[in-house]
Amino acid sequence: MWDSGEIWGGKAFIQQLIMQSAATATSYDRELEDLSERELDVAQFIAKGLSNKQIALEMNITERTVKAHLTSIFKKTNTKDRLALALLAQARHSVL
């Protein structure tokens, strides 16, 4: 049952998560508002789970440029890693 990697959450827990997400949606927009259009594209690809190499191919840029964008994004959004950025980008995308 737990072998699939899924985590069970009760109805009340899920509702609380949804309410918290909705309440903080505006702060997500503020955290991403300083990103350039290209940086937003990179963030969305990160949210989709793409690797740097895949992002580079999708955007027709080098992996080094992807890494430069990520460094800038991490600084501007005060995120520390890809997971935090992915969660932030997914939250923003879900409210647009």
PDB file of N, CA and C in Angstrom:
ATOM      1  N   MET A   1       0.829  -1.201   0.000  1.00  0.00           N
ATOM      2  CA  MET A   1       0.000   0.000   0.000  1.00  0.00           C
ATOM      3  C   MET A   1       0.867   1.256   0.000  1.00  0.00           C
ATOM      4  N   TRP A   2       1.923   1.290   0.767  1.00  0.00           N
ATOM      5  CA  TRP A   2       2.785   2.471   0.833  1.00  0.00           C
ATOM      6  C   TRP A   2       3.947   2.388  -0.148  1.00  0.00           C
ATOM      7  N   ASP A   3       4.050   1.287  -0.884  1.00  0.00           N
ATOM      8  CA  ASP A   3       5.158   1.097  -1.806  1.00  0.00           C
ATOM      9  C   ASP A   3       5.145   2.081  -2.968  1.00  0.00           C
ATOM     10  N   SER A   4       4.003   2.667  -3.273  1.00  0.00           N
ATOM     11  CA  SER A   4       3.892   3.568  -4.426  1.00  0.00           C
ATOM     12  C   SER A   4       4.515   4.931  -4.166  1.00  0.00           C
ATOM     13  N   GLY A   5       4.922   5.207  -2.946  1.00  0.00           N
ATOM     14  CA  GLY A   5       5.518   6.500  -2.631  1.00  0.00           C
ATOM     15  C   GLY A   5       4.497   7.576  -2.317  1.00  0.00           C
ATOM     16  N   GLU A   6       3.242   7.213  -2.244  1.00  0.00           N
ATOM     17  CA  GLU A   6       2.192   8.173  -1.959  1.00  0.00           C
ATOM     18  C   GLU A   6       2.029   8.350  -0.456  1.00  0.00           C
ATOM     19  N   ILE A   7       1.540   9.522  -0.091  1.00  0.00           N
ATOM     20  CA  ILE A   7       1.278   9.811   1.322  1.00  0.00           C
ATOM     21  C   ILE A   7      -0.210  10.103   1.453  1.00  0.00           C
ATOM     22  N   TRP A   8      -0.832   9.468   2.422  1.00  0.00           N
ATOM     23  CA  TRP A   8      -2.257   9.676   2.640  1.00  0.00           C
ATOM     24  C   TRP A   8      -2.477  10.886   3.527  1.00  0.00           C
ATOM     25  N   GLY A   9      -3.454  11.699   3.174  1.00  0.00           N
ATOM     26  CA  GLY A   9      -3.834  12.836   4.003  1.00  0.00           C
ATOM     27  C   GLY A   9      -5.338  12.856   4.144  1.00  0.00           C
ATOM     28  N   GLY A  10      -5.813  13.063   5.342  1.00  0.00           N
ATOM     29  CA  GLY A  10      -7.243  13.121   5.579  1.00  0.00           C
ATOM     30  C   GLY A  10      -7.883  14.342   4.946  1.00  0.00           C
ATOM     31  N   LYS A  11      -9.199  14.335   4.875  1.00  0.00           N
ATOM     32  CA  LYS A  11      -9.952  15.425   4.244  1.00  0.00           C
ATOM     33  C   LYS A  11      -9.654  16.776   4.897  1.00  0.00           C
ATOM     34  N   ALA A  12      -9.647  16.820   6.218  1.00  0.00           N
ATOM     35  CA  ALA A  12      -9.392  18.077   6.932  1.00  0.00           C
ATOM     36  C   ALA A  12      -7.986  18.598   6.634  1.00  0.00           C
ATOM     37  N   PHE A  13      -7.019  17.695   6.580  1.00  0.00           N
ATOM     38  CA  PHE A  13      -5.640  18.089   6.279  1.00  0.00           C
ATOM     39  C   PHE A  13      -5.534  18.676   4.874  1.00  0.00           C
ATOM     40  N   ILE A  14      -6.151  18.017   3.903  1.00  0.00           N
ATOM     41  CA  ILE A  14      -6.120  18.488   2.518  1.00  0.00           C
ATOM     42  C   ILE A  14      -6.819  19.844   2.401  1.00  0.00           C
ATOM     43  N   GLN A  15      -7.959  19.998   3.066  1.00  0.00           N
ATOM     44  CA  GLN A  15      -8.662  21.289   3.030  1.00  0.00           C
ATOM     45  C   GLN A  15      -7.813  22.399   3.627  1.00  0.00           C
ATOM     46  N   GLN A  16      -7.100  22.097   4.708  1.00  0.00           N
ATOM     47  CA  GLN A  16      -6.229  23.090   5.333  1.00  0.00           C
ATOM     48  C   GLN A  16      -5.106  23.475   4.376  1.00  0.00           C
ATOM     49  N   LEU A  17      -4.521  22.517   3.699  1.00  0.00           N
ATOM     50  CA  LEU A  17      -3.476  22.808   2.720  1.00  0.00           C
ATOM     51  C   LEU A  17      -3.990  23.714   1.605  1.00  0.00           C
ATOM     52  N   ILE A  18      -5.178  23.429   1.112  1.00  0.00           N
ATOM     53  CA  ILE A  18      -5.771  24.248   0.051  1.00  0.00           C
ATOM     54  C   ILE A  18      -6.009  25.667   0.534  1.00  0.00           C
ATOM     55  N   MET A  19      -6.539  25.813   1.748  1.00  0.00           N
ATOM     56  CA  MET A  19      -6.804  27.147   2.287  1.00  0.00           C
ATOM     57  C   MET A  19      -5.507  27.929   2.485  1.00  0.00           C
ATOM     58  N   GLN A  20      -4.478  27.263   2.989  1.00  0.00           N
ATOM     59  CA  GLN A  20      -3.192  27.921   3.177  1.00  0.00           C
ATOM     60  C   GLN A  20      -2.598  28.336   1.839  1.00  0.00           C
ATOM     61  N   SER A  21      -2.745  27.490   0.838  1.00  0.00           N
ATOM     62  CA  SER A  21      -2.229  27.807  -0.491  1.00  0.00           C
ATOM     63  C   SER A  21      -2.931  29.026  -1.065  1.00  0.00           C
ATOM     64  N   ALA A  22      -4.245  29.066  -0.924  1.00  0.00           N
ATOM     65  CA  ALA A  22      -5.003  30.206  -1.438  1.00  0.00           C
ATOM     66  C   ALA A  22      -4.636  31.488  -0.703  1.00  0.00           C
ATOM     67  N   ALA A  23      -4.438  31.396   0.597  1.00  0.00           N
ATOM     68  CA  ALA A  23      -4.124  32.571   1.402  1.00  0.00           C
ATOM     69  C   ALA A  23      -2.749  33.141   1.075  1.00  0.00           C
ATOM     70  N   THR A  24      -1.841  32.299   0.642  1.00  0.00           N
ATOM     71  CA  THR A  24      -0.487  32.772   0.376  1.00  0.00           C
ATOM     72  C   THR A  24      -0.209  32.957  -1.115  1.00  0.00           C
ATOM     73  N   ALA A  25      -1.221  32.790  -1.950  1.00  0.00           N
ATOM     74  CA  ALA A  25      -1.028  32.917  -3.399  1.00  0.00           C
ATOM     75  C   ALA A  25      -0.460  34.281  -3.779  1.00  0.00           C
ATOM     76  N   THR A  26      -0.933  35.333  -3.129  1.00  0.00           N
ATOM     77  CA  THR A  26      -0.418  36.661  -3.456  1.00  0.00           C
ATOM     78  C   THR A  26       1.050  36.794  -3.114  1.00  0.00           C
ATOM     79  N   SER A  27       1.476  36.179  -2.047  1.00  0.00           N
ATOM     80  CA  SER A  27       2.890  36.259  -1.698  1.00  0.00           C
ATOM     81  C   SER A  27       3.740  35.513  -2.718  1.00  0.00           C
ATOM     82  N   TYR A  28       3.212  34.453  -3.320  1.00  0.00           N
ATOM     83  CA  TYR A  28       3.943  33.748  -4.371  1.00  0.00           C
ATOM     84  C   TYR A  28       4.182  34.674  -5.557  1.00  0.00           C
ATOM     85  N   ASP A  29       3.146  35.424  -5.923  1.00  0.00           N
ATOM     86  CA  ASP A  29       3.294  36.367  -7.030  1.00  0.00           C
ATOM     87  C   ASP A  29       4.363  37.404  -6.711  1.00  0.00           C
ATOM     88  N   ARG A  30       4.385  37.905  -5.469  1.00  0.00           N
ATOM     89  CA  ARG A  30       5.385  38.889  -5.086  1.00  0.00           C
ATOM     90  C   ARG A  30       6.784  38.300  -5.147  1.00  0.00           C
ATOM     91  N   GLU A  31       6.923  37.049  -4.756  1.00  0.00           N
ATOM     92  CA  GLU A  31       8.233  36.416  -4.759  1.00  0.00           C
ATOM     93  C   GLU A  31       8.750  36.190  -6.172  1.00  0.00           C
ATOM     94  N   LEU A  32       7.857  36.096  -7.140  1.00  0.00           N
ATOM     95  CA  LEU A  32       8.270  35.832  -8.517  1.00  0.00           C
ATOM     96  C   LEU A  32       8.210  37.066  -9.418  1.00  0.00           C
ATOM     97  N   GLU A  33       7.702  38.174  -8.911  1.00  0.00           N
ATOM     98  CA  GLU A  33       7.498  39.344  -9.766  1.00  0.00           C
ATOM     99  C   GLU A  33       8.792  39.955 -10.289  1.00  0.00           C
ATOM    100  N   ASP A  34       9.916  39.732  -9.620  1.00  0.00           N
ATOM    101  CA  ASP A  34      11.181  40.296 -10.073  1.00  0.00           C
ATOM    102  C   ASP A  34      11.877  39.447 -11.133  1.00  0.00           C
ATOM    103  N   LEU A  35      11.316  38.290 -11.435  1.00  0.00           N
ATOM    104  CA  LEU A  35      11.955  37.420 -12.422  1.00  0.00           C
ATOM    105  C   LEU A  35      11.696  37.917 -13.833  1.00  0.00           C
ATOM    106  N   SER A  36      12.706  37.751 -14.684  1.00  0.00           N
ATOM    107  CA  SER A  36      12.526  38.069 -16.095  1.00  0.00           C
ATOM    108  C   SER A  36      11.635  37.008 -16.734  1.00  0.00           C
ATOM    109  N   GLU A  37      11.192  37.261 -17.934  1.00  0.00           N
ATOM    110  CA  GLU A  37      10.355  36.292 -18.637  1.00  0.00           C
ATOM    111  C   GLU A  37      11.091  34.962 -18.819  1.00  0.00           C
ATOM    112  N   ARG A  38      12.366  35.017 -19.148  1.00  0.00           N
ATOM    113  CA  ARG A  38      13.167  33.802 -19.334  1.00  0.00           C
ATOM    114  C   ARG A  38      13.328  33.045 -18.007  1.00  0.00           C
ATOM    115  N   GLU A  39      13.529  33.786 -16.928  1.00  0.00           N
ATOM    116  CA  GLU A  39      13.645  33.152 -15.614  1.00  0.00           C
ATOM    117  C   GLU A  39      12.338  32.478 -15.218  1.00  0.00           C
ATOM    118  N   LEU A  40      11.211  33.125 -15.536  1.00  0.00           N
ATOM    119  CA  LEU A  40       9.914  32.507 -15.261  1.00  0.00           C
ATOM    120  C   LEU A  40       9.747  31.221 -16.059  1.00  0.00           C
ATOM    121  N   ASP A  41      10.216  31.233 -17.308  1.00  0.00           N
ATOM    122  CA  ASP A  41      10.161  30.016 -18.126  1.00  0.00           C
ATOM    123  C   ASP A  41      10.967  28.894 -17.482  1.00  0.00           C
ATOM    124  N   VAL A  42      12.172  29.221 -17.038  1.00  0.00           N
ATOM    125  CA  VAL A  42      13.023  28.220 -16.373  1.00  0.00           C
ATOM    126  C   VAL A  42      12.317  27.700 -15.123  1.00  0.00           C
ATOM    127  N   ALA A  43      11.747  28.588 -14.337  1.00  0.00           N
ATOM    128  CA  ALA A  43      11.050  28.178 -13.110  1.00  0.00           C
ATOM    129  C   ALA A  43       9.896  27.230 -13.430  1.00  0.00           C
ATOM    130  N   GLN A  44       9.157  27.510 -14.491  1.00  0.00           N
ATOM    131  CA  GLN A  44       8.048  26.636 -14.869  1.00  0.00           C
ATOM    132  C   GLN A  44       8.551  25.263 -15.318  1.00  0.00           C
ATOM    133  N   PHE A  45       9.673  25.233 -16.033  1.00  0.00           N
ATOM    134  CA  PHE A  45      10.246  23.949 -16.431  1.00  0.00           C
ATOM    135  C   PHE A  45      10.732  23.164 -15.213  1.00  0.00           C
ATOM    136  N   ILE A  46      11.282  23.867 -14.234  1.00  0.00           N
ATOM    137  CA  ILE A  46      11.698  23.217 -12.987  1.00  0.00           C
ATOM    138  C   ILE A  46      10.476  22.613 -12.300  1.00  0.00           C
ATOM    139  N   ALA A  47       9.372  23.362 -12.291  1.00  0.00           N
ATOM    140  CA  ALA A  47       8.137  22.879 -11.673  1.00  0.00           C
ATOM    141  C   ALA A  47       7.619  21.627 -12.371  1.00  0.00           C
ATOM    142  N   LYS A  48       7.916  21.489 -13.651  1.00  0.00           N
ATOM    143  CA  LYS A  48       7.497  20.302 -14.408  1.00  0.00           C
ATOM    144  C   LYS A  48       8.469  19.141 -14.223  1.00  0.00           C
ATOM    145  N   GLY A  49       9.578  19.393 -13.520  1.00  0.00           N
ATOM    146  CA  GLY A  49      10.521  18.322 -13.227  1.00  0.00           C
ATOM    147  C   GLY A  49      11.600  18.110 -14.267  1.00  0.00           C
ATOM    148  N   LEU A  50      11.791  19.074 -15.163  1.00  0.00           N
ATOM    149  CA  LEU A  50      12.813  18.930 -16.196  1.00  0.00           C
ATOM    150  C   LEU A  50      14.213  19.146 -15.633  1.00  0.00           C
ATOM    151  N   SER A  51      15.171  18.454 -16.206  1.00  0.00           N
ATOM    152  CA  SER A  51      16.578  18.630 -15.834  1.00  0.00           C
ATOM    153  C   SER A  51      17.125  19.873 -16.534  1.00  0.00           C
ATOM    154  N   ASN A  52      18.310  20.307 -16.111  1.00  0.00           N
ATOM    155  CA  ASN A  52      18.945  21.454 -16.769  1.00  0.00           C
ATOM    156  C   ASN A  52      19.133  21.191 -18.256  1.00  0.00           C
ATOM    157  N   LYS A  53      19.539  19.982 -18.583  1.00  0.00           N
ATOM    158  CA  LYS A  53      19.762  19.627 -19.988  1.00  0.00           C
ATOM    159  C   LYS A  53      18.458  19.705 -20.778  1.00  0.00           C
ATOM    160  N   GLN A  54      17.374  19.186 -20.212  1.00  0.00           N
ATOM    161  CA  GLN A  54      16.078  19.241 -20.882  1.00  0.00           C
ATOM    162  C   GLN A  54      15.593  20.679 -21.046  1.00  0.00           C
ATOM    163  N   ILE A  55      15.808  21.492 -20.021  1.00  0.00           N
ATOM    164  CA  ILE A  55      15.411  22.905 -20.092  1.00  0.00           C
ATOM    165  C   ILE A  55      16.202  23.601 -21.193  1.00  0.00           C
ATOM    166  N   ALA A  56      17.498  23.336 -21.240  1.00  0.00           N
ATOM    167  CA  ALA A  56      18.352  23.938 -22.269  1.00  0.00           C
ATOM    168  C   ALA A  56      17.843  23.585 -23.662  1.00  0.00           C
ATOM    169  N   LEU A  57      17.476  22.338 -23.865  1.00  0.00           N
ATOM    170  CA  LEU A  57      16.960  21.916 -25.168  1.00  0.00           C
ATOM    171  C   LEU A  57      15.631  22.590 -25.490  1.00  0.00           C
ATOM    172  N   GLU A  58      14.745  22.655 -24.506  1.00  0.00           N
ATOM    173  CA  GLU A  58      13.433  23.280 -24.707  1.00  0.00           C
ATOM    174  C   GLU A  58      13.550  24.771 -25.046  1.00  0.00           C
ATOM    175  N   MET A  59      14.507  25.451 -24.391  1.00  0.00           N
ATOM    176  CA  MET A  59      14.631  26.898 -24.551  1.00  0.00           C
ATOM    177  C   MET A  59      15.678  27.291 -25.593  1.00  0.00           C
ATOM    178  N   ASN A  60      16.354  26.272 -26.155  1.00  0.00           N
ATOM    179  CA  ASN A  60      17.392  26.517 -27.142  1.00  0.00           C
ATOM    180  C   ASN A  60      18.509  27.413 -26.588  1.00  0.00           C
ATOM    181  N   ILE A  61      18.946  27.061 -25.370  1.00  0.00           N
ATOM    182  CA  ILE A  61      20.050  27.759 -24.714  1.00  0.00           C
ATOM    183  C   ILE A  61      21.012  26.704 -24.171  1.00  0.00           C
ATOM    184  N   THR A  62      22.143  27.120 -23.646  1.00  0.00           N
ATOM    185  CA  THR A  62      23.104  26.165 -23.095  1.00  0.00           C
ATOM    186  C   THR A  62      22.738  25.812 -21.654  1.00  0.00           C
ATOM    187  N   GLU A  63      23.258  24.683 -21.193  1.00  0.00           N
ATOM    188  CA  GLU A  63      23.060  24.300 -19.796  1.00  0.00           C
ATOM    189  C   GLU A  63      23.676  25.340 -18.869  1.00  0.00           C
ATOM    190  N   ARG A  64      24.768  25.922 -19.299  1.00  0.00           N
ATOM    191  CA  ARG A  64      25.414  26.958 -18.488  1.00  0.00           C
ATOM    192  C   ARG A  64      24.481  28.157 -18.296  1.00  0.00           C
ATOM    193  N   THR A  65      23.745  28.502 -19.342  1.00  0.00           N
ATOM    194  CA  THR A  65      22.787  29.606 -19.242  1.00  0.00           C
ATOM    195  C   THR A  65      21.645  29.234 -18.304  1.00  0.00           C
ATOM    196  N   VAL A  66      21.198  27.988 -18.367  1.00  0.00           N
ATOM    197  CA  VAL A  66      20.160  27.515 -17.442  1.00  0.00           C
ATOM    198  C   VAL A  66      20.655  27.666 -16.008  1.00  0.00           C
ATOM    199  N   LYS A  67      21.882  27.244 -15.759  1.00  0.00           N
ATOM    200  CA  LYS A  67      22.451  27.345 -14.411  1.00  0.00           C
ATOM    201  C   LYS A  67      22.541  28.804 -13.966  1.00  0.00           C
ATOM    202  N   ALA A  68      22.898  29.692 -14.892  1.00  0.00           N
ATOM    203  CA  ALA A  68      22.973  31.123 -14.562  1.00  0.00           C
ATOM    204  C   ALA A  68      21.580  31.653 -14.202  1.00  0.00           C
ATOM    205  N   HIS A  69      20.590  31.245 -14.976  1.00  0.00           N
ATOM    206  CA  HIS A  69      19.215  31.653 -14.664  1.00  0.00           C
ATOM    207  C   HIS A  69      18.805  31.129 -13.278  1.00  0.00           C
ATOM    208  N   LEU A  70      19.134  29.874 -13.006  1.00  0.00           N
ATOM    209  CA  LEU A  70      18.771  29.294 -11.707  1.00  0.00           C
ATOM    210  C   LEU A  70      19.432  30.031 -10.550  1.00  0.00           C
ATOM    211  N   THR A  71      20.696  30.379 -10.706  1.00  0.00           N
ATOM    212  CA  THR A  71      21.392  31.131  -9.655  1.00  0.00           C
ATOM    213  C   THR A  71      20.672  32.450  -9.389  1.00  0.00           C
ATOM    214  N   SER A  72      20.307  33.135 -10.455  1.00  0.00           N
ATOM    215  CA  SER A  72      19.597  34.400 -10.332  1.00  0.00           C
ATOM    216  C   SER A  72      18.215  34.200  -9.694  1.00  0.00           C
ATOM    217  N   ILE A  73      17.517  33.164 -10.132  1.00  0.00           N
ATOM    218  CA  ILE A  73      16.179  32.875  -9.599  1.00  0.00           C
ATOM    219  C   ILE A  73      16.253  32.571  -8.107  1.00  0.00           C
ATOM    220  N   PHE A  74      17.212  31.741  -7.706  1.00  0.00           N
ATOM    221  CA  PHE A  74      17.349  31.394  -6.289  1.00  0.00           C
ATOM    222  C   PHE A  74      17.577  32.647  -5.449  1.00  0.00           C
ATOM    223  N   LYS A  75      18.397  33.558  -5.943  1.00  0.00           N
ATOM    224  CA  LYS A  75      18.651  34.802  -5.202  1.00  0.00           C
ATOM    225  C   LYS A  75      17.397  35.673  -5.124  1.00  0.00           C
ATOM    226  N   LYS A  76      16.724  35.852  -6.254  1.00  0.00           N
ATOM    227  CA  LYS A  76      15.555  36.733  -6.303  1.00  0.00           C
ATOM    228  C   LYS A  76      14.375  36.195  -5.501  1.00  0.00           C
ATOM    229  N   THR A  77      14.225  34.887  -5.459  1.00  0.00           N
ATOM    230  CA  THR A  77      13.074  34.291  -4.770  1.00  0.00           C
ATOM    231  C   THR A  77      13.410  33.807  -3.370  1.00  0.00           C
ATOM    232  N   ASN A  78      14.678  33.904  -3.015  1.00  0.00           N
ATOM    233  CA  ASN A  78      15.139  33.434  -1.712  1.00  0.00           C
ATOM    234  C   ASN A  78      14.819  31.947  -1.500  1.00  0.00           C
ATOM    235  N   THR A  79      14.950  31.186  -2.588  1.00  0.00           N
ATOM    236  CA  THR A  79      14.802  29.732  -2.496  1.00  0.00           C
ATOM    237  C   THR A  79      16.186  29.112  -2.490  1.00  0.00           C
ATOM    238  N   LYS A  80      16.283  27.944  -1.885  1.00  0.00           N
ATOM    239  CA  LYS A  80      17.584  27.308  -1.701  1.00  0.00           C
ATOM    240  C   LYS A  80      17.850  26.164  -2.665  1.00  0.00           C
ATOM    241  N   ASP A  81      16.769  25.598  -3.237  1.00  0.00           N
ATOM    242  CA  ASP A  81      16.974  24.434  -4.085  1.00  0.00           C
ATOM    243  C   ASP A  81      15.842  24.301  -5.104  1.00  0.00           C
ATOM    244  N   ARG A  82      15.964  23.307  -5.972  1.00  0.00           N
ATOM    245  CA  ARG A  82      15.002  23.080  -7.043  1.00  0.00           C
ATOM    246  C   ARG A  82      13.616  22.746  -6.504  1.00  0.00           C
ATOM    247  N   LEU A  83      13.556  21.979  -5.424  1.00  0.00           N
ATOM    248  CA  LEU A  83      12.259  21.608  -4.868  1.00  0.00           C
ATOM    249  C   LEU A  83      11.503  22.839  -4.386  1.00  0.00           C
ATOM    250  N   ALA A  84      12.167  23.705  -3.632  1.00  0.00           N
ATOM    251  CA  ALA A  84      11.513  24.922  -3.141  1.00  0.00           C
ATOM    252  C   ALA A  84      11.056  25.790  -4.310  1.00  0.00           C
ATOM    253  N   LEU A  85      11.893  25.892  -5.328  1.00  0.00           N
ATOM    254  CA  LEU A  85      11.525  26.676  -6.512  1.00  0.00           C
ATOM    255  C   LEU A  85      10.346  26.039  -7.239  1.00  0.00           C
ATOM    256  N   ALA A  86      10.366  24.723  -7.374  1.00  0.00           N
ATOM    257  CA  ALA A  86       9.279  24.021  -8.056  1.00  0.00           C
ATOM    258  C   ALA A  86       7.954  24.246  -7.335  1.00  0.00           C
ATOM    259  N   LEU A  87       7.968  24.155  -6.017  1.00  0.00           N
ATOM    260  CA  LEU A  87       6.749  24.375  -5.242  1.00  0.00           C
ATOM    261  C   LEU A  87       6.245  25.803  -5.402  1.00  0.00           C
ATOM    262  N   LEU A  88       7.152  26.739  -5.376  1.00  0.00           N
ATOM    263  CA  LEU A  88       6.793  28.145  -5.557  1.00  0.00           C
ATOM    264  C   LEU A  88       6.195  28.378  -6.940  1.00  0.00           C
ATOM    265  N   ALA A  89       6.838  27.853  -7.966  1.00  0.00           N
ATOM    266  CA  ALA A  89       6.361  28.036  -9.335  1.00  0.00           C
ATOM    267  C   ALA A  89       5.028  27.336  -9.565  1.00  0.00           C
ATOM    268  N   GLN A  90       4.864  26.149  -8.994  1.00  0.00           N
ATOM    269  CA  GLN A  90       3.592  25.438  -9.139  1.00  0.00           C
ATOM    270  C   GLN A  90       2.467  26.192  -8.448  1.00  0.00           C
ATOM    271  N   ALA A  91       2.755  26.734  -7.289  1.00  0.00           N
ATOM    272  CA  ALA A  91       1.730  27.485  -6.559  1.00  0.00           C
ATOM    273  C   ALA A  91       1.316  28.714  -7.349  1.00  0.00           C
ATOM    274  N   ARG A  92       2.269  29.405  -7.928  1.00  0.00           N
ATOM    275  CA  ARG A  92       1.960  30.586  -8.726  1.00  0.00           C
ATOM    276  C   ARG A  92       1.166  30.206  -9.953  1.00  0.00           C
ATOM    277  N   HIS A  93       1.590  29.150 -10.622  1.00  0.00           N
ATOM    278  CA  HIS A  93       0.921  28.724 -11.848  1.00  0.00           C
ATOM    279  C   HIS A  93      -0.521  28.296 -11.578  1.00  0.00           C
ATOM    280  N   SER A  94      -0.761  27.692 -10.442  1.00  0.00           N
ATOM    281  CA  SER A  94      -2.110  27.206 -10.134  1.00  0.00           C
ATOM    282  C   SER A  94      -3.088  28.328  -9.865  1.00  0.00           C
ATOM    283  N   VAL A  95      -2.594  29.528  -9.544  1.00  0.00           N
ATOM    284  CA  VAL A  95      -3.512  30.638  -9.267  1.00  0.00           C
ATOM    285  C   VAL A  95      -3.661  31.563 -10.457  1.00  0.00           C
ATOM    286  N   LEU A  96      -2.902  31.339 -11.527  1.00  0.00           N
ATOM    287  CA  LEU A  96      -3.019  32.194 -12.712  1.00  0.00           C
ATOM    288  C   LEU A  96      -4.162  31.769 -13.598  1.00  0.00           C
TER     289      LEU A  96
END
